[in-house]
Amino acid sequence: MKRILIVDDEINIGLLLSKFLTRNGYDVSIATSGATALDFLSKESFNLVLCDFRLEDTDGREILRKIKASYPATGVIIITGYSDIKLAVELIKMGAYDYITKPLYPDEILNTINKALETQEALSRPELQPAGTPASVKKERNAGAGLPETFITGESTASRDLLRQIELIAPTSYSVILTGESGTGKESVAQAIHMKSNRADKPFVAMDCGSLTKELAGSEFFGHEKGSFTGALYTKIGHFEMANGGTLFLDEVGNLSYEIQAALLRTVQERKVKRIGGTKEIDLDVRIIVATNENLHEAIQKARFREDLYHRFNEFSIHLPPLRNRERDIILFAQNFLKFTNKELNRSIEGFSDEVIECLLTYNWPGNVRELKNVIRRATLLTETNKIQLKALPLEISTFAKVSAMETAVENIQVRETRRGLKDAALEAEYETILKVLKEVNFNKTKAAKVLNIDRKTLYNKMKAINLE
């Protein structure tokens, strides 16, 4: 069992992290100061240290320096309350494996820890190289028609078409471009393609290109040798090498700088990689799947994306439709997310109230499947009954449903008045004004009545007239 030391002077955060990581199979200890952490390390062996950057008696730089000097085999991940690219580069050059900013998200933490430990294991076992599966190397294996747990097969026509395209392209080695709005599930589709391919027993490596800086890109893509630059205190395997034999998923590829694109193109064309500071060229057998929510054709026209690289990637393309166009899938997805969250939180919530179902179906989901997942996780946490109730939903979702209902009611008045020859156009204008004010005050009827300069009873009666009590 892998051993992790959490270093944080906020004991509540340490306890929450400890409980979460223990539940995921790790042996965890907690230190509330830098001195205590070093004392732990002097007496026991740890695979990884998860350390808050700001401690009462020291900071992340100092404790990282001491750990790397005395315990070089121990991986270190730094957690901080703010994002600073210069600091991230500095810490990684000093030997930190990675850098996580608050607020902390369980999936992100677990993925980063897995990545650190598995890469660490690869470096200690050279006979397994190119191994070292990062955070996003999935453990699921293809079992005939197997799909990753994160992929939910929908019931809509769009979902059925998507599954057919996955079945078609998966057995090939074609590179694939996945397009669609942010949050539509592009990484889940990439995983599904991988698991249905003959590479399913090899690594699936996901890389977020949107977070890459010029300073980090070369090392992340290609890796580096120990001593190849100032601060290169250990050998690092790049993502191409990690994915050898399997699939490399590049998310938000449109965010890569033109300079990084040029280096990437050479590797994709030659199917060889050389670590920074290294002399050996490593042959690559990697399937590449990229994802973007940008219009790459437009980016090419504006000289922000290389056309030759685009054509290397675009051997096949799949467009993921937004959730608002997959109404038949919304409740199915929500039920699946509820099942996962029940397991995560050890809860037994059975489903959703009728009001909640109506809201979920009415809302336009600008954040798509990712937003729906987050809403269900939040609502599950807040719910104390056997069904998720309206009060557990974010205000913008419950309000959206009310707005939609009132707009429909006003439209019905417009139709009705048109058929009567517009005898009372003032009534239509009155209800449009009421609707506008209710939106502005988040449907607080007392405030709305005050703004409209009428009493609450009058407002209630007017709303009742269009069945909106």
Protein backbone atom coordinates (compact mmCIF):
# COMPACT_ATOMS: atom_id res chain seq x y z
CA MET A 1 0.00 0.00 0.00
CA LYS A 2 1.37 3.42 -1.00
CA ARG A 3 2.08 5.81 1.88
CA ILE A 4 1.21 9.52 1.71
CA LEU A 5 2.11 12.28 4.16
CA ILE A 6 -0.25 15.27 4.22
CA VAL A 7 1.30 18.50 5.51
CA ASP A 8 -1.22 21.27 6.30
CA ASP A 9 -1.61 23.48 9.36
CA GLU A 10 -5.39 23.57 8.80
CA ILE A 11 -6.31 20.35 10.54
CA ASN A 12 -9.79 20.15 8.97
CA ILE A 13 -8.33 20.13 5.47
CA GLY A 14 -5.82 17.49 6.51
CA LEU A 15 -8.55 15.29 7.97
CA LEU A 16 -10.78 15.62 4.88
CA LEU A 17 -7.89 14.75 2.56
CA SER A 18 -6.87 11.86 4.78
CA LYS A 19 -10.38 10.41 4.83
CA PHE A 20 -10.71 10.74 1.05
CA LEU A 21 -7.33 9.19 0.26
CA THR A 22 -7.77 6.38 2.80
CA ARG A 23 -11.07 5.55 1.12
CA ASN A 24 -9.13 5.29 -2.15
CA GLY A 25 -6.66 2.76 -0.80
CA TYR A 26 -3.77 4.84 0.54
CA ASP A 27 -2.05 4.71 3.93
CA VAL A 28 -2.13 8.33 5.12
CA SER A 29 -0.44 10.30 7.89
CA ILE A 30 -0.99 13.97 8.77
CA ALA A 31 1.53 16.59 9.90
CA THR A 32 0.42 20.10 10.91
CA SER A 33 3.81 21.81 10.51
CA GLY A 34 6.99 21.58 8.49
CA ALA A 35 8.97 20.45 11.53
CA THR A 36 6.50 17.66 12.27
CA ALA A 37 6.60 16.57 8.64
CA LEU A 38 10.41 16.29 8.66
CA ASP A 39 10.20 14.34 11.91
CA PHE A 40 7.76 11.90 10.30
CA LEU A 41 10.07 11.51 7.30
CA SER A 42 13.08 10.81 9.51
CA LYS A 43 11.28 7.90 11.17
CA GLU A 44 9.11 6.44 8.41
CA SER A 45 9.22 5.98 4.64
CA PHE A 46 6.65 7.77 2.47
CA ASN A 47 6.05 7.49 -1.27
CA LEU A 48 4.57 10.96 -1.57
CA VAL A 49 4.23 14.21 0.39
CA LEU A 50 1.17 16.40 -0.24
CA CYS A 51 2.22 19.77 1.23
CA ASP A 52 0.44 23.10 1.62
CA PHE A 53 2.67 25.95 0.38
CA ARG A 54 2.02 28.28 3.32
CA LEU A 55 2.71 26.78 6.75
CA GLU A 56 3.13 28.58 10.05
CA ASP A 57 6.77 27.56 10.49
CA THR A 58 7.97 27.35 6.87
CA ASP A 59 6.87 27.48 3.25
CA GLY A 60 6.68 25.10 0.32
CA ARG A 61 10.05 26.06 -1.16
CA GLU A 62 11.93 25.33 2.05
CA ILE A 63 10.25 22.03 2.88
CA LEU A 64 10.57 20.91 -0.75
CA ARG A 65 14.29 21.71 -0.69
CA LYS A 66 14.79 19.72 2.53
CA ILE A 67 12.78 16.72 1.34
CA LYS A 68 14.62 16.53 -1.98
CA ALA A 69 17.99 16.87 -0.24
CA SER A 70 17.37 14.13 2.33
CA TYR A 71 14.71 11.93 0.70
CA PRO A 72 15.13 12.28 -3.10
CA ALA A 73 12.97 9.23 -3.86
CA THR A 74 9.94 10.79 -2.15
CA GLY A 75 7.60 12.61 -4.50
CA VAL A 76 6.26 16.04 -3.53
CA ILE A 77 3.05 17.79 -4.62
CA ILE A 78 2.53 21.38 -3.47
CA ILE A 79 -0.94 22.79 -2.68
CA THR A 80 -1.57 26.52 -2.54
CA GLY A 81 -4.43 28.98 -2.32
CA TYR A 82 -3.54 30.92 -5.45
CA SER A 83 -2.30 30.28 -8.96
CA ASP A 84 1.08 31.68 -9.97
CA ILE A 85 2.75 30.31 -13.11
CA LYS A 86 6.20 31.60 -12.14
CA LEU A 87 5.92 29.88 -8.77
CA ALA A 88 4.76 26.67 -10.43
CA VAL A 89 7.77 26.66 -12.75
CA GLU A 90 10.10 27.40 -9.83
CA LEU A 91 8.72 24.56 -7.68
CA ILE A 92 8.84 22.03 -10.50
CA LYS A 93 12.45 23.01 -11.27
CA MET A 94 13.22 22.47 -7.58
CA GLY A 95 11.89 18.93 -7.87
CA ALA A 96 8.17 19.12 -7.06
CA TYR A 97 6.19 16.66 -9.13
CA ASP A 98 3.20 18.96 -9.51
CA TYR A 99 1.36 21.99 -8.15
CA ILE A 100 -2.37 22.14 -7.26
CA THR A 101 -4.34 25.30 -6.52
CA LYS A 102 -7.29 25.60 -4.16
CA PRO A 103 -10.20 25.03 -4.12
CA LEU A 104 -9.34 21.34 -4.10
CA TYR A 105 -11.35 18.93 -6.24
CA PRO A 106 -11.23 15.24 -5.28
CA ASP A 107 -10.88 13.93 -8.84
CA GLU A 108 -8.03 16.34 -9.59
CA ILE A 109 -6.17 15.46 -6.39
CA LEU A 110 -6.55 11.72 -6.94
CA ASN A 111 -5.46 11.96 -10.58
CA THR A 112 -2.39 14.03 -9.71
CA ILE A 113 -1.40 11.63 -6.92
CA ASN A 114 -1.81 8.61 -9.18
CA LYS A 115 0.26 10.30 -11.87
CA ALA A 116 3.06 11.10 -9.44
CA LEU A 117 3.18 7.62 -7.92
CA GLU A 118 2.98 5.74 -11.19
CA THR A 119 5.67 7.85 -12.84
CA GLN A 120 7.80 7.38 -9.73
CA GLU A 121 7.35 3.62 -10.04
CA ALA A 122 8.33 3.70 -13.72
CA LEU A 123 11.54 5.55 -12.92
CA SER A 124 12.45 2.94 -10.30
CA ARG A 125 11.73 0.05 -12.68
CA PRO A 126 13.45 0.79 -15.99
CA GLU A 127 12.52 -2.60 -17.40
CA LEU A 128 8.93 -1.39 -17.59
CA GLN A 129 9.70 1.78 -19.57
CA PRO A 130 8.06 3.38 -21.39
CA ALA A 131 5.71 2.99 -18.51
CA GLY A 132 4.76 5.55 -15.96
CA THR A 133 1.10 6.03 -16.48
CA PRO A 134 0.03 9.49 -15.33
CA ALA A 135 -3.01 10.58 -13.45
CA SER A 136 -5.22 10.05 -16.42
CA VAL A 137 -4.02 6.54 -17.27
CA LYS A 138 -7.21 4.61 -16.84
CA LYS A 139 -7.26 1.19 -15.24
CA GLU A 140 -10.34 0.05 -17.08
CA ARG A 141 -9.70 -2.60 -19.69
CA ASN A 142 -11.66 -3.49 -22.78
CA ALA A 143 -14.03 -6.32 -22.06
CA GLY A 144 -15.67 -6.84 -25.42
CA ALA A 145 -18.08 -3.94 -25.61
CA GLY A 146 -16.68 -2.38 -22.44
CA LEU A 147 -16.86 1.35 -21.87
CA PRO A 148 -15.29 3.53 -19.18
CA GLU A 149 -17.43 4.28 -16.15
CA THR A 150 -17.37 7.98 -17.07
CA PHE A 151 -19.08 7.27 -20.41
CA ILE A 152 -22.86 7.14 -20.11
CA THR A 153 -24.73 5.75 -23.09
CA GLY A 154 -27.63 8.11 -23.74
CA GLU A 155 -31.03 7.44 -25.28
CA SER A 156 -31.25 10.43 -27.64
CA THR A 157 -30.65 10.18 -31.37
CA ALA A 158 -27.50 12.28 -30.93
CA SER A 159 -26.16 9.85 -28.31
CA ARG A 160 -26.88 6.81 -30.46
CA ASP A 161 -25.12 8.46 -33.41
CA LEU A 162 -22.14 9.25 -31.16
CA LEU A 163 -21.86 5.63 -30.01
CA ARG A 164 -22.00 4.41 -33.63
CA GLN A 165 -19.10 6.71 -34.55
CA ILE A 166 -17.08 5.45 -31.57
CA GLU A 167 -17.71 1.83 -32.62
CA LEU A 168 -16.65 2.70 -36.17
CA ILE A 169 -13.40 4.52 -35.44
CA ALA A 170 -12.16 2.65 -32.33
CA PRO A 171 -10.66 -0.44 -34.07
CA THR A 172 -8.54 1.75 -36.38
CA SER A 173 -5.38 3.72 -35.55
CA TYR A 174 -6.74 6.95 -37.02
CA SER A 175 -6.07 10.20 -35.22
CA VAL A 176 -9.31 11.83 -34.11
CA ILE A 177 -10.42 15.41 -33.48
CA LEU A 178 -13.26 15.79 -30.96
CA THR A 179 -15.13 19.08 -31.17
CA GLY A 180 -17.92 20.52 -29.08
CA GLU A 181 -18.68 23.01 -26.36
CA SER A 182 -16.81 22.88 -23.07
CA GLY A 183 -18.20 20.23 -20.74
CA THR A 184 -19.75 17.97 -23.38
CA GLY A 185 -17.64 14.97 -22.31
CA LYS A 186 -14.83 14.88 -24.86
CA GLU A 187 -12.39 13.08 -22.55
CA SER A 188 -14.99 10.39 -21.81
CA VAL A 189 -15.43 9.84 -25.55
CA ALA A 190 -11.65 9.63 -25.99
CA GLN A 191 -11.51 7.01 -23.22
CA ALA A 192 -14.32 5.07 -24.89
CA ILE A 193 -12.44 5.04 -28.22
CA HIS A 194 -9.32 3.81 -26.43
CA MET A 195 -11.14 1.06 -24.53
CA LYS A 196 -12.81 -0.26 -27.65
CA SER A 197 -9.52 -0.35 -29.55
CA ASN A 198 -6.80 -2.98 -29.63
CA ARG A 199 -4.75 -0.62 -27.44
CA ALA A 200 -7.11 -1.01 -24.48
CA ASP A 201 -4.53 -2.83 -22.37
CA LYS A 202 -2.00 -0.02 -22.93
CA PRO A 203 -1.89 3.43 -21.30
CA PHE A 204 -4.48 6.15 -21.88
CA VAL A 205 -2.71 9.43 -21.13
CA ALA A 206 -4.64 12.71 -20.95
CA MET A 207 -2.90 16.08 -21.16
CA ASP A 208 -4.51 19.48 -20.60
CA CYS A 209 -2.91 21.73 -23.21
CA GLY A 210 -4.81 24.74 -21.91
CA SER A 211 -2.68 24.85 -18.76
CA LEU A 212 0.70 24.50 -20.49
CA THR A 213 3.21 27.33 -20.47
CA LYS A 214 6.14 27.71 -22.85
CA GLU A 215 8.53 26.88 -20.02
CA LEU A 216 6.80 23.61 -19.12
CA ALA A 217 5.60 22.40 -22.53
CA GLY A 218 8.79 20.72 -23.72
CA SER A 219 9.28 18.82 -20.49
CA GLU A 220 5.61 17.78 -20.33
CA PHE A 221 5.46 16.57 -23.94
CA PHE A 222 8.92 15.08 -24.35
CA GLY A 223 10.35 14.62 -20.83
CA HIS A 224 13.86 15.52 -19.70
CA GLU A 225 17.01 13.91 -18.38
CA LYS A 226 18.38 14.62 -14.92
CA GLY A 227 20.72 17.61 -15.04
CA SER A 228 19.56 18.74 -18.49
CA PHE A 229 18.79 22.23 -17.16
CA THR A 230 19.06 24.11 -13.90
CA GLY A 231 16.66 22.49 -11.46
CA ALA A 232 16.29 19.23 -13.40
CA LEU A 233 16.93 17.14 -10.32
CA TYR A 234 15.37 13.97 -11.65
CA THR A 235 14.61 12.24 -14.94
CA LYS A 236 11.08 12.90 -16.14
CA ILE A 237 9.16 10.83 -18.67
CA GLY A 238 7.14 12.96 -21.10
CA HIS A 239 3.52 12.30 -22.01
CA PHE A 240 4.36 10.89 -25.46
CA GLU A 241 6.65 8.31 -23.89
CA MET A 242 4.13 7.54 -21.15
CA ALA A 243 1.49 6.81 -23.79
CA ASN A 244 3.70 4.62 -25.98
CA GLY A 245 1.69 1.69 -27.29
CA GLY A 246 -1.53 3.34 -26.17
CA THR A 247 -3.46 6.57 -26.66
CA LEU A 248 -2.46 10.20 -26.02
CA PHE A 249 -5.39 12.56 -25.47
CA LEU A 250 -4.60 16.26 -25.91
CA ASP A 251 -7.39 18.41 -24.46
CA GLU A 252 -7.92 22.03 -25.56
CA VAL A 253 -5.27 21.65 -28.26
CA GLY A 254 -6.28 24.99 -29.76
CA ASN A 255 -4.63 26.76 -26.82
CA LEU A 256 -1.11 25.64 -27.72
CA SER A 257 1.24 28.38 -28.86
CA TYR A 258 2.44 28.37 -32.46
CA GLU A 259 5.98 27.53 -31.29
CA ILE A 260 4.78 24.51 -29.30
CA GLN A 261 2.70 23.39 -32.29
CA ALA A 262 5.85 23.31 -34.46
CA ALA A 263 7.67 21.04 -31.98
CA LEU A 264 4.59 18.85 -31.69
CA LEU A 265 4.31 18.54 -35.48
CA ARG A 266 7.84 17.14 -35.77
CA THR A 267 7.12 14.46 -33.19
CA VAL A 268 3.81 13.52 -34.80
CA GLN A 269 5.39 13.31 -38.27
CA GLU A 270 8.51 11.38 -37.30
CA ARG A 271 6.91 9.24 -34.59
CA LYS A 272 10.06 9.63 -32.52
CA VAL A 273 10.75 11.51 -29.31
CA LYS A 274 13.94 12.63 -27.59
CA ARG A 275 13.96 13.76 -23.96
CA ILE A 276 15.34 17.24 -23.30
CA GLY A 277 19.04 16.78 -22.63
CA GLY A 278 18.96 13.24 -23.96
CA THR A 279 20.67 11.68 -26.98
CA LYS A 280 18.53 8.61 -27.56
CA GLU A 281 15.58 8.78 -29.94
CA ILE A 282 12.65 6.67 -28.77
CA ASP A 283 10.31 5.16 -31.37
CA LEU A 284 6.67 5.96 -30.77
CA ASP A 285 3.53 3.96 -31.46
CA VAL A 286 0.90 6.33 -30.13
CA ARG A 287 -2.65 7.00 -31.22
CA ILE A 288 -3.49 10.68 -30.87
CA ILE A 289 -6.93 12.02 -29.99
CA VAL A 290 -7.30 15.77 -29.61
CA ALA A 291 -10.18 17.88 -28.35
CA THR A 292 -11.11 21.51 -28.75
CA ASN A 293 -14.06 23.82 -28.15
CA GLU A 294 -12.57 26.30 -30.63
CA ASN A 295 -13.21 26.56 -34.35
CA LEU A 296 -9.84 25.35 -35.65
CA HIS A 297 -10.68 26.39 -39.23
CA GLU A 298 -11.08 29.95 -38.00
CA ALA A 299 -7.87 29.63 -35.95
CA ILE A 300 -6.02 28.51 -39.10
CA GLN A 301 -7.33 31.53 -41.03
CA LYS A 302 -6.08 33.81 -38.25
CA ALA A 303 -2.68 32.05 -38.18
CA ARG A 304 -3.23 30.81 -34.61
CA PHE A 305 -3.18 27.12 -35.52
CA ARG A 306 -0.97 25.31 -38.00
CA GLU A 307 -2.86 23.89 -40.95
CA ASP A 308 -0.35 21.05 -41.41
CA LEU A 309 -0.78 19.98 -37.77
CA TYR A 310 -4.57 20.15 -38.12
CA HIS A 311 -4.48 17.75 -41.07
CA ARG A 312 -2.22 15.37 -39.13
CA PHE A 313 -4.86 15.21 -36.40
CA ASN A 314 -7.97 15.27 -38.59
CA GLU A 315 -8.05 11.73 -39.96
CA PHE A 316 -11.50 11.46 -38.40
CA SER A 317 -13.63 13.97 -36.50
CA ILE A 318 -16.54 13.62 -34.09
CA HIS A 319 -18.72 16.51 -32.94
CA LEU A 320 -20.28 16.23 -29.49
CA PRO A 321 -23.68 17.94 -29.33
CA PRO A 322 -24.55 20.22 -26.39
CA LEU A 323 -26.69 18.78 -23.61
CA ARG A 324 -29.57 21.15 -24.42
CA ASN A 325 -29.96 19.25 -27.71
CA ARG A 326 -30.12 15.88 -25.92
CA GLU A 327 -33.21 16.31 -23.75
CA ARG A 328 -33.90 12.58 -23.58
CA ASP A 329 -30.50 12.08 -21.94
CA ILE A 330 -30.73 14.69 -19.17
CA ILE A 331 -32.57 12.65 -16.54
CA LEU A 332 -30.65 9.49 -17.46
CA PHE A 333 -27.35 11.32 -16.95
CA ALA A 334 -28.62 12.88 -13.70
CA GLN A 335 -29.59 9.44 -12.36
CA ASN A 336 -26.14 8.07 -13.17
CA PHE A 337 -24.40 11.01 -11.50
CA LEU A 338 -26.63 10.50 -8.46
CA LYS A 339 -25.60 6.83 -8.34
CA PHE A 340 -21.89 7.74 -8.48
CA THR A 341 -22.28 10.47 -5.85
CA ASN A 342 -24.28 8.20 -3.53
CA LYS A 343 -21.34 5.80 -3.63
CA GLU A 344 -18.80 8.59 -3.12
CA LEU A 345 -20.65 10.10 -0.13
CA ASN A 346 -22.04 6.82 1.23
CA ARG A 347 -25.59 8.09 0.76
CA SER A 348 -28.77 6.37 -0.41
CA ILE A 349 -30.82 9.11 -2.09
CA GLU A 350 -33.40 7.48 -4.34
CA GLY A 351 -34.09 10.12 -6.98
CA PHE A 352 -35.56 13.54 -7.72
CA SER A 353 -38.81 15.31 -6.90
CA ASP A 354 -41.13 16.16 -9.78
CA GLU A 355 -40.21 19.85 -9.44
CA VAL A 356 -36.52 19.05 -9.74
CA ILE A 357 -37.07 16.89 -12.81
CA GLU A 358 -39.01 19.75 -14.42
CA CYS A 359 -36.17 22.18 -13.65
CA LEU A 360 -33.51 19.84 -15.00
CA LEU A 361 -35.44 19.43 -18.24
CA THR A 362 -36.16 23.16 -18.60
CA TYR A 363 -32.68 24.56 -17.90
CA ASN A 364 -30.44 25.22 -20.94
CA TRP A 365 -27.20 23.78 -19.41
CA PRO A 366 -24.54 26.17 -20.74
CA GLY A 367 -21.88 24.08 -18.94
CA ASN A 368 -23.28 20.89 -20.49
CA VAL A 369 -22.68 17.45 -18.93
CA ARG A 370 -19.95 18.76 -16.60
CA GLU A 371 -22.35 21.34 -15.17
CA LEU A 372 -25.07 18.72 -14.70
CA LYS A 373 -22.61 16.45 -12.87
CA ASN A 374 -21.56 19.27 -10.53
CA VAL A 375 -25.17 20.26 -9.85
CA ILE A 376 -26.12 16.69 -8.93
CA ARG A 377 -23.05 16.27 -6.68
CA ARG A 378 -23.86 19.53 -4.87
CA ALA A 379 -27.55 18.67 -4.54
CA THR A 380 -26.74 15.20 -3.19
CA LEU A 381 -24.50 16.71 -0.54
CA LEU A 382 -27.25 19.16 0.53
CA THR A 383 -30.14 16.66 0.53
CA GLU A 384 -31.28 15.07 3.79
CA THR A 385 -34.42 13.34 2.49
CA ASN A 386 -34.82 10.33 0.21
CA LYS A 387 -35.27 12.57 -2.86
CA ILE A 388 -33.48 15.69 -4.07
CA GLN A 389 -35.77 18.68 -3.60
CA LEU A 390 -35.93 22.04 -5.39
CA LYS A 391 -34.13 23.91 -2.59
CA ALA A 392 -30.99 21.82 -3.21
CA LEU A 393 -30.61 23.19 -6.75
CA PRO A 394 -28.60 26.34 -7.47
CA LEU A 395 -30.76 29.46 -7.68
CA GLU A 396 -29.97 30.07 -11.35
CA ILE A 397 -31.49 26.71 -12.30
CA SER A 398 -34.70 26.98 -10.30
CA THR A 399 -35.07 30.62 -11.42
CA PHE A 400 -34.55 29.66 -15.07
CA ALA A 401 -37.49 27.26 -14.85
CA LYS A 402 -39.73 30.01 -13.41
CA VAL A 403 -38.66 32.46 -16.11
CA SER A 404 -39.38 29.91 -18.81
CA ALA A 405 -42.83 29.18 -17.38
CA MET A 406 -43.71 32.88 -17.17
CA GLU A 407 -42.47 33.58 -20.68
CA THR A 408 -44.69 30.78 -21.94
CA ALA A 409 -47.63 32.25 -20.04
CA VAL A 410 -47.03 35.70 -21.55
CA GLU A 411 -46.76 34.15 -25.01
CA ASN A 412 -50.11 32.45 -24.42
CA ILE A 413 -51.62 35.85 -23.57
CA GLN A 414 -50.15 37.31 -26.75
CA VAL A 415 -51.71 34.52 -28.84
CA ARG A 416 -55.01 34.84 -27.02
CA GLU A 417 -55.10 38.61 -27.45
CA THR A 418 -54.14 38.35 -31.13
CA ARG A 419 -57.12 36.08 -31.72
CA ARG A 420 -59.37 38.60 -29.97
CA GLY A 421 -58.09 41.36 -32.22
CA LEU A 422 -55.60 42.85 -29.69
CA LYS A 423 -58.43 44.41 -27.64
CA ASP A 424 -56.25 44.61 -24.60
CA ALA A 425 -52.60 45.09 -25.61
CA ALA A 426 -52.06 46.81 -22.27
CA LEU A 427 -52.54 43.44 -20.51
CA GLU A 428 -49.68 41.95 -22.51
CA ALA A 429 -47.40 44.87 -21.66
CA GLU A 430 -48.37 44.58 -17.99
CA TYR A 431 -47.36 40.95 -17.73
CA GLU A 432 -44.13 41.56 -19.62
CA THR A 433 -43.29 44.24 -17.06
CA ILE A 434 -44.13 41.92 -14.16
CA LEU A 435 -41.94 39.20 -15.66
CA LYS A 436 -39.03 41.62 -16.16
CA VAL A 437 -39.17 42.83 -12.56
CA LEU A 438 -39.49 39.29 -11.13
CA LYS A 439 -36.34 38.30 -13.02
CA GLU A 440 -34.47 41.31 -11.65
CA VAL A 441 -35.32 40.45 -8.02
CA ASN A 442 -34.81 36.68 -8.38
CA PHE A 443 -38.55 36.07 -7.99
CA ASN A 444 -38.80 37.66 -4.56
CA LYS A 445 -42.48 38.64 -4.69
CA THR A 446 -42.25 41.16 -1.84
CA LYS A 447 -39.45 43.04 -3.61
CA ALA A 448 -41.25 42.76 -6.95
CA ALA A 449 -44.45 44.25 -5.54
CA LYS A 450 -42.45 47.14 -4.06
CA VAL A 451 -40.69 47.85 -7.38
CA LEU A 452 -44.00 47.67 -9.24
CA ASN A 453 -45.62 49.94 -6.62
CA ILE A 454 -48.47 47.48 -5.96
CA ASP A 455 -49.28 45.38 -2.93
CA ARG A 456 -48.42 41.68 -2.69
CA LYS A 457 -52.06 40.63 -2.99
CA THR A 458 -52.44 42.45 -6.29
CA LEU A 459 -49.26 40.86 -7.62
CA TYR A 460 -50.44 37.40 -6.51
CA ASN A 461 -53.80 37.91 -8.24
CA LYS A 462 -52.15 38.98 -11.49
CA MET A 463 -49.84 35.96 -11.40
CA LYS A 464 -52.78 33.70 -10.57
CA ALA A 465 -54.55 34.95 -13.66
CA ILE A 466 -51.92 33.23 -15.79
CA ASN A 467 -51.61 30.18 -13.52
CA LEU A 468 -48.38 31.33 -11.86
CA GLU A 469 -49.19 31.45 -8.20
